[in-house]
Structure formats: C-alpha cells, structure tokens
C-alpha atoms as a PDB file:
ATOM      1  CA  UNK A   1      -0.176  -0.140   0.415  1.00  0.00           C
ATOM      2  CA  UNK A   2       1.328   3.363  -0.784  1.00  0.00           C
ATOM      3  CA  UNK A   3       2.143   5.324   2.425  1.00  0.00           C
ATOM      4  CA  UNK A   4       0.939   9.299   1.222  1.00  0.00           C
ATOM      5  CA  UNK A   5       3.775  11.468   1.753  1.00  0.00           C
ATOM      6  CA  UNK A   6       3.776  15.546   2.494  1.00  0.00           C
ATOM      7  CA  UNK A   7       5.314  16.181  -1.003  1.00  0.00           C
ATOM      8  CA  UNK A   8       2.101  13.874  -2.760  1.00  0.00           C
ATOM      9  CA  UNK A   9       0.014  16.444  -0.494  1.00  0.00           C
ATOM     10  CA  UNK A  10       1.436  19.193  -1.926  1.00  0.00           C
ATOM     11  CA  UNK A  11       1.372  18.317  -5.332  1.00  0.00           C
ATOM     12  CA  UNK A  12      -2.270  17.648  -4.568  1.00  0.00           C
ATOM     13  CA  UNK A  13      -2.409  21.063  -3.161  1.00  0.00           C
ATOM     14  CA  UNK A  14      -1.021  22.442  -6.474  1.00  0.00           C
ATOM     15  CA  UNK A  15      -3.196  21.250  -8.986  1.00  0.00           C
ATOM     16  CA  UNK A  16      -6.350  21.836  -6.990  1.00  0.00           C
ATOM     17  CA  UNK A  17      -5.311  25.427  -6.863  1.00  0.00           C
ATOM     18  CA  UNK A  18      -4.581  25.240 -10.726  1.00  0.00           C
ATOM     19  CA  UNK A  19      -8.066  23.900 -11.339  1.00  0.00           C
ATOM     20  CA  UNK A  20      -9.495  26.158  -9.041  1.00  0.00           C
ATOM     21  CA  UNK A  21      -7.565  29.461 -10.990  1.00  0.00           C
ATOM     22  CA  UNK A  22      -9.115  27.956 -14.115  1.00  0.00           C
ATOM     23  CA  UNK A  23      -5.144  28.159 -15.028  1.00  0.00           C
ATOM     24  CA  UNK A  24      -5.521  23.829 -16.514  1.00  0.00           C
ATOM     25  CA  UNK A  25      -8.637  22.185 -17.332  1.00  0.00           C
ATOM     26  CA  UNK A  26      -9.746  20.194 -14.385  1.00  0.00           C
ATOM     27  CA  UNK A  27      -9.841  16.997 -16.696  1.00  0.00           C
ATOM     28  CA  UNK A  28      -6.008  17.697 -17.672  1.00  0.00           C
ATOM     29  CA  UNK A  29      -5.558  18.369 -13.950  1.00  0.00           C
ATOM     30  CA  UNK A  30      -7.295  14.941 -12.957  1.00  0.00           C
ATOM     31  CA  UNK A  31      -4.838  13.350 -15.702  1.00  0.00           C
ATOM     32  CA  UNK A  32      -1.744  14.530 -14.167  1.00  0.00           C
ATOM     33  CA  UNK A  33      -2.788  13.806 -10.054  1.00  0.00           C
ATOM     34  CA  UNK A  34      -3.484  10.618 -11.440  1.00  0.00           C
ATOM     35  CA  UNK A  35      -0.230   9.822 -13.223  1.00  0.00           C
ATOM     36  CA  UNK A  36       1.635  11.078 -10.863  1.00  0.00           C
ATOM     37  CA  UNK A  37      -0.140   9.164  -7.704  1.00  0.00           C
ATOM     38  CA  UNK A  38       0.916   5.742 -10.101  1.00  0.00           C
ATOM     39  CA  UNK A  39       3.837   6.815 -10.335  1.00  0.00           C
ATOM     40  CA  UNK A  40       4.679   6.939  -6.888  1.00  0.00           C
ATOM     41  CA  UNK A  41       2.360   3.737  -5.851  1.00  0.00           C
ATOM     42  CA  UNK A  42       5.047   2.099  -8.738  1.00  0.00           C
ATOM     43  CA  UNK A  43       8.041   3.343  -7.311  1.00  0.00           C
ATOM     44  CA  UNK A  44       7.150   2.304  -3.614  1.00  0.00           C
ATOM     45  CA  UNK A  45       6.145  -1.418  -5.287  1.00  0.00           C
ATOM     46  CA  UNK A  46       9.409  -1.354  -6.774  1.00  0.00           C
ATOM     47  CA  UNK A  47      11.698  -0.399  -3.879  1.00  0.00           C
ATOM     48  CA  UNK A  48       9.397  -3.194  -1.911  1.00  0.00           C
ATOM     49  CA  UNK A  49      10.314  -5.692  -3.977  1.00  0.00           C
ATOM     50  CA  UNK A  50      14.272  -4.479  -4.360  1.00  0.00           C
ATOM     51  CA  UNK A  51      14.621  -4.372  -0.527  1.00  0.00           C
ATOM     52  CA  UNK A  52      12.962  -8.179  -0.697  1.00  0.00           C
ATOM     53  CA  UNK A  53      15.276  -9.629  -3.355  1.00  0.00           C
ATOM     54  CA  UNK A  54      18.277  -8.148  -1.379  1.00  0.00           C
ATOM     55  CA  UNK A  55      17.198  -9.419   1.963  1.00  0.00           C
ATOM     56  CA  UNK A  56      16.471 -12.806   0.096  1.00  0.00           C
ATOM     57  CA  UNK A  57      20.160 -13.043  -1.401  1.00  0.00           C
ATOM     58  CA  UNK A  58      22.045 -12.082   1.580  1.00  0.00           C
ATOM     59  CA  UNK A  59      20.315 -14.683   3.439  1.00  0.00           C
ATOM     60  CA  UNK A  60      21.116 -17.176   0.761  1.00  0.00           C
ATOM     61  CA  UNK A  61      24.711 -16.181   0.571  1.00  0.00           C
ATOM     62  CA  UNK A  62      24.611 -16.114   4.655  1.00  0.00           C
ATOM     63  CA  UNK A  63      23.459 -19.633   4.644  1.00  0.00           C
ATOM     64  CA  UNK A  64      26.061 -20.563   2.284  1.00  0.00           C
ATOM     65  CA  UNK A  65      28.638 -19.418   4.140  1.00  0.00           C
ATOM     66  CA  UNK A  66      27.505 -21.013   7.198  1.00  0.00           C
ATOM     67  CA  UNK A  67      27.335 -24.515   5.115  1.00  0.00           C
ATOM     68  CA  UNK A  68      30.563 -23.977   3.407  1.00  0.00           C
ATOM     69  CA  UNK A  69      32.421 -23.470   7.052  1.00  0.00           C
ATOM     70  CA  UNK A  70      30.218 -26.475   8.166  1.00  0.00           C
ATOM     71  CA  UNK A  71      31.900 -28.704   5.005  1.00  0.00           C
ATOM     72  CA  UNK A  72      35.484 -27.287   5.296  1.00  0.00           C
ATOM     73  CA  UNK A  73      37.937 -30.174   5.241  1.00  0.00           C
ATOM     74  CA  UNK A  74      41.440 -29.772   6.481  1.00  0.00           C
ATOM     75  CA  UNK A  75      44.965 -31.619   6.283  1.00  0.00           C
ATOM     76  CA  UNK A  76      46.681 -32.388   9.358  1.00  0.00           C
ATOM     77  CA  UNK A  77      50.717 -31.806   9.096  1.00  0.00           C
ATOM     78  CA  UNK A  78      52.809 -33.685  11.917  1.00  0.00           C
ATOM     79  CA  UNK A  79      56.020 -31.858  12.403  1.00  0.00           C
ATOM     80  CA  UNK A  80      58.774 -33.241  15.515  1.00  0.00           C
ATOM     81  CA  UNK A  81      59.393 -31.617  18.260  1.00  0.00           C
ATOM     82  CA  UNK A  82      62.542 -32.961  19.059  1.00  0.00           C
ATOM     83  CA  UNK A  83      66.211 -30.968  18.759  1.00  0.00           C
ATOM     84  CA  UNK A  84      69.019 -32.899  19.199  1.00  0.00           C
ATOM     85  CA  UNK A  85      70.600 -35.575  17.420  1.00  0.00           C
ATOM     86  CA  UNK A  86      71.028 -37.869  19.400  1.00  0.00           C
ATOM     87  CA  UNK A  87      74.840 -37.013  21.616  1.00  0.00           C
ATOM     88  CA  UNK A  88      76.362 -35.713  18.795  1.00  0.00           C
ATOM     89  CA  UNK A  89      75.578 -31.726  20.015  1.00  0.00           C
ATOM     90  CA  UNK A  90      73.936 -31.678  16.486  1.00  0.00           C
ATOM     91  CA  UNK A  91      71.009 -29.342  16.503  1.00  0.00           C
ATOM     92  CA  UNK A  92      67.564 -31.044  14.270  1.00  0.00           C
ATOM     93  CA  UNK A  93      63.596 -30.413  14.109  1.00  0.00           C
ATOM     94  CA  UNK A  94      61.778 -30.602  11.376  1.00  0.00           C
ATOM     95  CA  UNK A  95      62.749 -29.896   8.200  1.00  0.00           C
ATOM     96  CA  UNK A  96      61.444 -26.728   6.953  1.00  0.00           C
ATOM     97  CA  UNK A  97      61.270 -28.156   2.959  1.00  0.00           C
ATOM     98  CA  UNK A  98      59.755 -30.541   3.670  1.00  0.00           C
ATOM     99  CA  UNK A  99      56.734 -29.010   4.739  1.00  0.00           C
ATOM    100  CA  UNK A 100      57.122 -25.859   2.117  1.00  0.00           C
ATOM    101  CA  UNK A 101      56.984 -27.574  -0.797  1.00  0.00           C
ATOM    102  CA  UNK A 102      53.901 -29.897   0.274  1.00  0.00           C
ATOM    103  CA  UNK A 103      52.118 -27.102   2.169  1.00  0.00           C
ATOM    104  CA  UNK A 104      52.319 -24.983  -1.461  1.00  0.00           C
ATOM    105  CA  UNK A 105      50.344 -27.737  -3.106  1.00  0.00           C
ATOM    106  CA  UNK A 106      47.910 -28.388  -1.130  1.00  0.00           C
ATOM    107  CA  UNK A 107      47.504 -24.598   0.615  1.00  0.00           C
ATOM    108  CA  UNK A 108      44.563 -24.002  -1.952  1.00  0.00           C
ATOM    109  CA  UNK A 109      42.196 -26.572  -1.830  1.00  0.00           C
ATOM    110  CA  UNK A 110      42.954 -27.830   1.916  1.00  0.00           C
ATOM    111  CA  UNK A 111      43.065 -25.423   5.417  1.00  0.00           C
ATOM    112  CA  UNK A 112      46.348 -26.881   7.071  1.00  0.00           C
ATOM    113  CA  UNK A 113      46.911 -27.308  10.210  1.00  0.00           C
ATOM    114  CA  UNK A 114      49.807 -28.546  12.217  1.00  0.00           C
ATOM    115  CA  UNK A 115      50.327 -30.829  15.348  1.00  0.00           C
ATOM    116  CA  UNK A 116      53.758 -31.988  17.173  1.00  0.00           C
ATOM    117  CA  UNK A 117      54.487 -34.275  19.936  1.00  0.00           C
ATOM    118  CA  UNK A 118      54.976 -31.615  22.617  1.00  0.00           C
ATOM    119  CA  UNK A 119      52.849 -28.773  20.402  1.00  0.00           C
ATOM    120  CA  UNK A 120      53.864 -24.747  20.618  1.00  0.00           C
ATOM    121  CA  UNK A 121      56.588 -24.106  18.525  1.00  0.00           C
ATOM    122  CA  UNK A 122      58.578 -26.570  17.017  1.00  0.00           C
ATOM    123  CA  UNK A 123      62.777 -26.600  16.249  1.00  0.00           C
ATOM    124  CA  UNK A 124      63.472 -25.984  12.101  1.00  0.00           C
ATOM    125  CA  UNK A 125      66.157 -27.624  10.285  1.00  0.00           C
ATOM    126  CA  UNK A 126      67.063 -26.947   6.876  1.00  0.00           C
ATOM    127  CA  UNK A 127      66.227 -23.143   7.733  1.00  0.00           C
ATOM    128  CA  UNK A 128      67.007 -21.898   4.045  1.00  0.00           C
ATOM    129  CA  UNK A 129      65.264 -18.641   2.858  1.00  0.00           C
ATOM    130  CA  UNK A 130      66.999 -19.087  -0.273  1.00  0.00           C
ATOM    131  CA  UNK A 131      64.498 -21.495  -1.513  1.00  0.00           C
ATOM    132  CA  UNK A 132      61.522 -19.684  -3.060  1.00  0.00           C
ATOM    133  CA  UNK A 133      58.981 -22.026  -1.273  1.00  0.00           C
ATOM    134  CA  UNK A 134      60.596 -21.888   1.451  1.00  0.00           C
ATOM    135  CA  UNK A 135      60.775 -18.375   1.887  1.00  0.00           C
ATOM    136  CA  UNK A 136      56.924 -17.843   0.727  1.00  0.00           C
ATOM    137  CA  UNK A 137      55.393 -19.988   3.774  1.00  0.00           C
ATOM    138  CA  UNK A 138      58.103 -18.399   6.078  1.00  0.00           C
ATOM    139  CA  UNK A 139      56.596 -15.114   5.262  1.00  0.00           C
ATOM    140  CA  UNK A 140      53.192 -16.350   5.317  1.00  0.00           C
ATOM    141  CA  UNK A 141      51.486 -14.466   8.803  1.00  0.00           C
ATOM    142  CA  UNK A 142      48.981 -17.355   9.135  1.00  0.00           C
ATOM    143  CA  UNK A 143      51.023 -19.998   8.524  1.00  0.00           C
ATOM    144  CA  UNK A 144      54.209 -19.144  10.510  1.00  0.00           C
ATOM    145  CA  UNK A 145      51.549 -18.413  13.071  1.00  0.00           C
ATOM    146  CA  UNK A 146      50.055 -21.978  12.714  1.00  0.00           C
ATOM    147  CA  UNK A 147      52.863 -23.720  12.733  1.00  0.00           C
ATOM    148  CA  UNK A 148      55.084 -21.581  15.322  1.00  0.00           C
ATOM    149  CA  UNK A 149      52.059 -22.713  17.609  1.00  0.00           C
ATOM    150  CA  UNK A 150      51.242 -25.910  16.752  1.00  0.00           C
ATOM    151  CA  UNK A 151      48.395 -27.982  18.575  1.00  0.00           C
ATOM    152  CA  UNK A 152      49.470 -30.629  20.998  1.00  0.00           C
ATOM    153  CA  UNK A 153      48.046 -34.423  19.973  1.00  0.00           C
ATOM    154  CA  UNK A 154      45.185 -33.911  22.617  1.00  0.00           C
ATOM    155  CA  UNK A 155      43.688 -30.891  20.883  1.00  0.00           C
ATOM    156  CA  UNK A 156      43.581 -32.455  17.812  1.00  0.00           C
ATOM    157  CA  UNK A 157      39.656 -34.261  16.548  1.00  0.00           C
ATOM    158  CA  UNK A 158      40.291 -36.580  13.699  1.00  0.00           C
ATOM    159  CA  UNK A 159      36.983 -36.287  12.060  1.00  0.00           C
ATOM    160  CA  UNK A 160      37.946 -32.556  11.202  1.00  0.00           C
ATOM    161  CA  UNK A 161      40.615 -33.559   8.916  1.00  0.00           C
ATOM    162  CA  UNK A 162      40.591 -35.943   5.182  1.00  0.00           C
ATOM    163  CA  UNK A 163      44.367 -36.826   5.276  1.00  0.00           C
ATOM    164  CA  UNK A 164      47.779 -36.604   7.847  1.00  0.00           C
ATOM    165  CA  UNK A 165      51.133 -35.794   6.482  1.00  0.00           C
ATOM    166  CA  UNK A 166      54.313 -36.871   8.582  1.00  0.00           C
ATOM    167  CA  UNK A 167      57.144 -33.808   7.468  1.00  0.00           C
ATOM    168  CA  UNK A 168      60.592 -35.478   7.454  1.00  0.00           C
ATOM    169  CA  UNK A 169      63.788 -34.715   9.718  1.00  0.00           C
ATOM    170  CA  UNK A 170      65.740 -36.240  11.607  1.00  0.00           C
ATOM    171  CA  UNK A 171      64.129 -34.930  14.808  1.00  0.00           C
ATOM    172  CA  UNK A 172      61.273 -37.214  13.567  1.00  0.00           C
ATOM    173  CA  UNK A 173      63.365 -40.284  14.332  1.00  0.00           C
ATOM    174  CA  UNK A 174      63.120 -39.410  18.113  1.00  0.00           C
ATOM    175  CA  UNK A 175      59.069 -38.418  18.875  1.00  0.00           C
ATOM    176  CA  UNK A 176      57.442 -40.123  15.796  1.00  0.00           C
ATOM    177  CA  UNK A 177      57.484 -43.979  16.359  1.00  0.00           C
ATOM    178  CA  UNK A 178      56.352 -44.219  19.950  1.00  0.00           C
ATOM    179  CA  UNK A 179      53.733 -41.270  19.788  1.00  0.00           C
ATOM    180  CA  UNK A 180      50.727 -43.635  20.859  1.00  0.00           C
ATOM    181  CA  UNK A 181      48.498 -39.706  20.434  1.00  0.00           C
ATOM    182  CA  UNK A 182      48.914 -39.352  16.795  1.00  0.00           C
ATOM    183  CA  UNK A 183      49.359 -43.016  15.762  1.00  0.00           C
ATOM    184  CA  UNK A 184      46.027 -43.056  16.874  1.00  0.00           C
ATOM    185  CA  UNK A 185      44.861 -39.886  15.363  1.00  0.00           C
ATOM    186  CA  UNK A 186      46.602 -41.276  11.744  1.00  0.00           C
ATOM    187  CA  UNK A 187      44.714 -44.816  12.710  1.00  0.00           C
ATOM    188  CA  UNK A 188      40.929 -42.748  12.640  1.00  0.00           C
ATOM    189  CA  UNK A 189      41.600 -40.588   9.536  1.00  0.00           C
ATOM    190  CA  UNK A 190      42.570 -43.554   7.538  1.00  0.00           C
ATOM    191  CA  UNK A 191      39.924 -46.080   8.485  1.00  0.00           C
ATOM    192  CA  UNK A 192      37.295 -42.801   7.492  1.00  0.00           C
ATOM    193  CA  UNK A 193      38.623 -43.320   4.537  1.00  0.00           C
ATOM    194  CA  UNK A 194      41.375 -40.326   4.874  1.00  0.00           C
ATOM    195  CA  UNK A 195      45.001 -40.206   3.327  1.00  0.00           C
ATOM    196  CA  UNK A 196      48.267 -41.216   5.202  1.00  0.00           C
ATOM    197  CA  UNK A 197      51.289 -39.458   4.079  1.00  0.00           C
ATOM    198  CA  UNK A 198      54.835 -39.325   4.700  1.00  0.00           C
ATOM    199  CA  UNK A 199      57.958 -38.088   3.906  1.00  0.00           C
ATOM    200  CA  UNK A 200      61.998 -38.627   4.522  1.00  0.00           C
ATOM    201  CA  UNK A 201      62.452 -39.354   7.886  1.00  0.00           C
ATOM    202  CA  UNK A 202      58.310 -38.735   8.297  1.00  0.00           C
ATOM    203  CA  UNK A 203      57.626 -42.419   7.559  1.00  0.00           C
ATOM    204  CA  UNK A 204      59.381 -43.252  11.453  1.00  0.00           C
ATOM    205  CA  UNK A 205      55.250 -42.262  12.453  1.00  0.00           C
ATOM    206  CA  UNK A 206      53.910 -45.373  10.318  1.00  0.00           C
ATOM    207  CA  UNK A 207      56.252 -47.587  11.864  1.00  0.00           C
ATOM    208  CA  UNK A 208      53.632 -48.800  15.194  1.00  0.00           C
ATOM    209  CA  UNK A 209      50.157 -47.162  13.294  1.00  0.00           C
ATOM    210  CA  UNK A 210      47.979 -50.311  13.361  1.00  0.00           C
ATOM    211  CA  UNK A 211      44.567 -50.407  12.701  1.00  0.00           C
ATOM    212  CA  UNK A 212      41.848 -51.680  14.009  1.00  0.00           C
ATOM    213  CA  UNK A 213      41.875 -55.378  12.985  1.00  0.00           C
ATOM    214  CA  UNK A 214      45.372 -55.443  14.557  1.00  0.00           C
ATOM    215  CA  UNK A 215      47.801 -55.358  11.900  1.00  0.00           C
ATOM    216  CA  UNK A 216      50.240 -52.528  11.309  1.00  0.00           C
ATOM    217  CA  UNK A 217      49.007 -50.005   9.075  1.00  0.00           C
ATOM    218  CA  UNK A 218      52.015 -50.857   6.616  1.00  0.00           C
ATOM    219  CA  UNK A 219      52.190 -54.459   6.407  1.00  0.00           C
ATOM    220  CA  UNK A 220      51.457 -55.750   2.667  1.00  0.00           C
ATOM    221  CA  UNK A 221      51.742 -52.243   1.210  1.00  0.00           C
ATOM    222  CA  UNK A 222      54.613 -50.332  -0.925  1.00  0.00           C
ATOM    223  CA  UNK A 223      56.421 -47.956   1.473  1.00  0.00           C
ATOM    224  CA  UNK A 224      59.282 -45.651   0.866  1.00  0.00           C
ATOM    225  CA  UNK A 225      61.406 -43.696   3.069  1.00  0.00           C
ATOM    226  CA  UNK A 226      65.071 -42.321   3.593  1.00  0.00           C
ATOM    227  CA  UNK A 227      67.129 -45.040   2.166  1.00  0.00           C
ATOM    228  CA  UNK A 228      69.994 -46.706   4.709  1.00  0.00           C
ATOM    229  CA  UNK A 229      72.482 -45.903   1.879  1.00  0.00           C
ATOM    230  CA  UNK A 230      71.581 -42.242   2.809  1.00  0.00           C
ATOM    231  CA  UNK A 231      71.724 -42.119   6.491  1.00  0.00           C
ATOM    232  CA  UNK A 232      75.129 -43.932   5.807  1.00  0.00           C
ATOM    233  CA  UNK A 233      75.669 -41.090   3.305  1.00  0.00           C
ATOM    234  CA  UNK A 234      75.097 -38.451   6.363  1.00  0.00           C
ATOM    235  CA  UNK A 235      76.968 -40.074   8.808  1.00  0.00           C
ATOM    236  CA  UNK A 236      74.443 -41.088  11.418  1.00  0.00           C
ATOM    237  CA  UNK A 237      73.119 -44.810  10.706  1.00  0.00           C
ATOM    238  CA  UNK A 238      75.235 -45.189  14.061  1.00  0.00           C
ATOM    239  CA  UNK A 239      73.111 -41.902  15.479  1.00  0.00           C
ATOM    240  CA  UNK A 240      69.620 -42.069  14.866  1.00  0.00           C
ATOM    241  CA  UNK A 241      67.556 -44.961  16.902  1.00  0.00           C
ATOM    242  CA  UNK A 242      66.661 -47.386  14.532  1.00  0.00           C
ATOM    243  CA  UNK A 243      67.569 -47.854  10.613  1.00  0.00           C
ATOM    244  CA  UNK A 244      63.814 -46.724   9.079  1.00  0.00           C
ATOM    245  CA  UNK A 245      63.951 -48.924   6.075  1.00  0.00           C
ATOM    246  CA  UNK A 246      64.731 -51.899   8.199  1.00  0.00           C
ATOM    247  CA  UNK A 247      62.296 -51.094  10.570  1.00  0.00           C
ATOM    248  CA  UNK A 248      59.675 -50.634   7.675  1.00  0.00           C
ATOM    249  CA  UNK A 249      60.315 -54.319   6.430  1.00  0.00           C
ATOM    250  CA  UNK A 250      59.937 -55.679   9.677  1.00  0.00           C
ATOM    251  CA  UNK A 251      56.165 -54.293  10.190  1.00  0.00           C
ATOM    252  CA  UNK A 252      56.097 -55.985   6.881  1.00  0.00           C
ATOM    253  CA  UNK A 253      56.306 -53.019   4.224  1.00  0.00           C
ATOM    254  CA  UNK A 254      57.214 -53.391   0.626  1.00  0.00           C
ATOM    255  CA  UNK A 255      60.246 -51.251   0.597  1.00  0.00           C
ATOM    256  CA  UNK A 256      61.200 -49.398  -2.504  1.00  0.00           C
ATOM    257  CA  UNK A 257      63.416 -47.268  -3.101  1.00  0.00           C
ATOM    258  CA  UNK A 258      66.171 -45.809  -5.319  1.00  0.00           C
ATOM    259  CA  UNK A 259      69.263 -43.984  -5.203  1.00  0.00           C
ATOM    260  CA  UNK A 260      70.847 -41.526  -3.131  1.00  0.00           C
ATOM    261  CA  UNK A 261      68.793 -38.078  -3.059  1.00  0.00           C
ATOM    262  CA  UNK A 262      66.821 -39.440  -6.023  1.00  0.00           C
ATOM    263  CA  UNK A 263      63.115 -38.245  -6.018  1.00  0.00           C
ATOM    264  CA  UNK A 264      61.107 -41.779  -5.767  1.00  0.00           C
ATOM    265  CA  UNK A 265      57.024 -41.026  -4.234  1.00  0.00           C
ATOM    266  CA  UNK A 266      55.328 -44.454  -3.699  1.00  0.00           C
ATOM    267  CA  UNK A 267      51.476 -44.549  -3.881  1.00  0.00           C
ATOM    268  CA  UNK A 268      49.696 -47.795  -2.244  1.00  0.00           C
ATOM    269  CA  UNK A 269      46.159 -46.971  -2.646  1.00  0.00           C
ATOM    270  CA  UNK A 270      45.383 -44.508   0.265  1.00  0.00           C
ATOM    271  CA  UNK A 271      48.911 -44.545   1.613  1.00  0.00           C
ATOM    272  CA  UNK A 272      51.371 -42.150   0.237  1.00  0.00           C
ATOM    273  CA  UNK A 273      54.832 -42.348   1.121  1.00  0.00           C
ATOM    274  CA  UNK A 274      58.184 -39.796  -0.118  1.00  0.00           C
ATOM    275  CA  UNK A 275      61.838 -40.885  -0.401  1.00  0.00           C
ATOM    276  CA  UNK A 276      63.428 -37.706   0.797  1.00  0.00           C
ATOM    277  CA  UNK A 277      63.580 -33.746   1.083  1.00  0.00           C
ATOM    278  CA  UNK A 278      63.695 -33.883  -3.086  1.00  0.00           C
ATOM    279  CA  UNK A 279      60.178 -36.041  -2.776  1.00  0.00           C
ATOM    280  CA  UNK A 280      58.274 -33.700  -0.757  1.00  0.00           C
ATOM    281  CA  UNK A 281      56.110 -31.862  -3.357  1.00  0.00           C
ATOM    282  CA  UNK A 282      55.581 -35.140  -5.320  1.00  0.00           C
ATOM    283  CA  UNK A 283      54.087 -36.554  -2.262  1.00  0.00           C
ATOM    284  CA  UNK A 284      51.999 -33.417  -1.729  1.00  0.00           C
ATOM    285  CA  UNK A 285      50.557 -34.105  -5.425  1.00  0.00           C
ATOM    286  CA  UNK A 286      49.877 -37.787  -4.905  1.00  0.00           C
ATOM    287  CA  UNK A 287      47.670 -36.407  -1.946  1.00  0.00           C
ATOM    288  CA  UNK A 288      45.670 -33.937  -3.551  1.00  0.00           C
ATOM    289  CA  UNK A 289      45.600 -36.474  -6.778  1.00  0.00           C
ATOM    290  CA  UNK A 290      44.388 -39.107  -4.031  1.00  0.00           C
ATOM    291  CA  UNK A 291      41.998 -36.843  -2.260  1.00  0.00           C
ATOM    292  CA  UNK A 292      40.266 -35.294  -5.604  1.00  0.00           C
ATOM    293  CA  UNK A 293      39.694 -38.760  -6.821  1.00  0.00           C
ATOM    294  CA  UNK A 294      38.256 -40.032  -3.019  1.00  0.00           C
ATOM    295  CA  UNK A 295      35.282 -36.769  -3.689  1.00  0.00           C
ATOM    296  CA  UNK A 296      34.254 -38.820  -6.984  1.00  0.00           C
END
C-alpha cells in the first residue's frame, strides 16, 4: 500500500489550486494527478521488491557461508618436537622444505593445521630462505603463526581431517615412532577413508601404527622412506635410534627405493610416502590427486 507523504499532498494542493484558478482544465489536472499517484505507487512497489530481493540474496549468502564453514575439510601436518641428533650436540627438528613444498601444493585446496608431539613452537632444520617456496611459507603470516603454535595431539579432532602428512627431519626419528596419540589420530583418519602421507624421516611415524584389525598400517603395502644408504651417506646411521628402512620392512612393508637423493614417491592406495626432501612436492601432489579421486 502506498504511504502518503507531504510531497504528495503538496502536489495535490497545487493541482487543485490550478483548477480553482482555471489555469488548466480540470480534466487535464485530473489526468496529471492520477499519473503522479500511479508513479509514486509504482516506485514504492519497486522499492519493496528490491528490498525483498536484497534480503533474500543476503540470506542465501549467509546460509552458503555457514554451510561452507561446516563442510570445511583440512589436512593435518605432523612435525617433530625433538631438537638434537642423539648425543652429537647437533641441532635438528622438522625439515623446513618437507613442510613448505607439500604445503605449496595443498594450500589452495585445503586448510592446513599443524600438530607436534609437545605442541607449541617446534624446532626447525634445513632453514634455507634462498629456496623461494621456503621463503613463501615462512613469510606467510597465517601459516607462520600456525606452525609456531602447533597443536598438542590432545587438541586434535580426527574427524576434521581428510588426510595426515608426516613431515621429516631427523627429529622425527626420536619422537614419532612411539607417539601413540598421533598414531591413533592417523588410524582414525585412515579408517574413515582418509589419506596418510609421509616423507623422508616422516615415515618413522608409521612404524607402530596399527589398524583396528590389529595389523600394522604398512603391512603388505608398498612404502618408501629415507633409505639405509642415505642415512650412511650423512654419517648418522649409528646416531639414529633405529634404521627406518629396516624397521618398515620388519613391519611387513614392501619397501621401494631409488638412488641417493633421487625423487621417489610411492603410492599404495591411500598410503603415500616419499624418500627424501627432494620428494616432498611429489608426495603433496600425490596426496592431492588421491583426495580428488576420493571425492568422485
């Protein structure tokens, strides 16, 4: 219904005055007045329709945003909290390139969170900002803050993640294998049709993961990791607490490998592993492909 305003009454008064003074014909003024009223009513109606459309669109956008947030899926990166290579006094931690190169591949499709055995700020190794991908990751304010404030395992809800990725660095050899909390998170993700990935020393986190059927995750599966030859080449074969390649084979894995420092990515269904730092990007790409396949 059109709401009369002061301007309407003023217009009507002018027309009536003109008729009274016979300045125009009553018929013409009547037509003028009717047209004016119709325009006002039409304008009010269009305004109402416009306001309704805007409200409807806003409601749809809000609903879609809430739905998107509800449906958001993420990938959990696991990084080491251990900062020393045995009794050598040499520093270690997670290897920056093994985080950054996988992150670069996955960050546009998934939100990435970080967990470490102790939580908080994990020690970093291989800190090389001449690598442009390392530099991009390290200078990304959001992700720098995330990895500097990594979650404790107790803060992680496995249902929030479609994949878990164990980054390497020698620190992983001391605090991944026996961390039962993170192992349970990995089992939960894998058994809900999620992906488990690891690179270099990251597969140390896989050696003790058992599925609900009691079998080791790696049993009977093709697996890759930092090789015994590579460990000897860096002269740490007698420093690390166990030989990663040997331990995986003991767990029933079908171990694959290439030569020293060669890129090598092994995919066995939803288990994806890589041999060394050079393989980190390839592991990220394989994880992304597998997740896209699972969506179909």
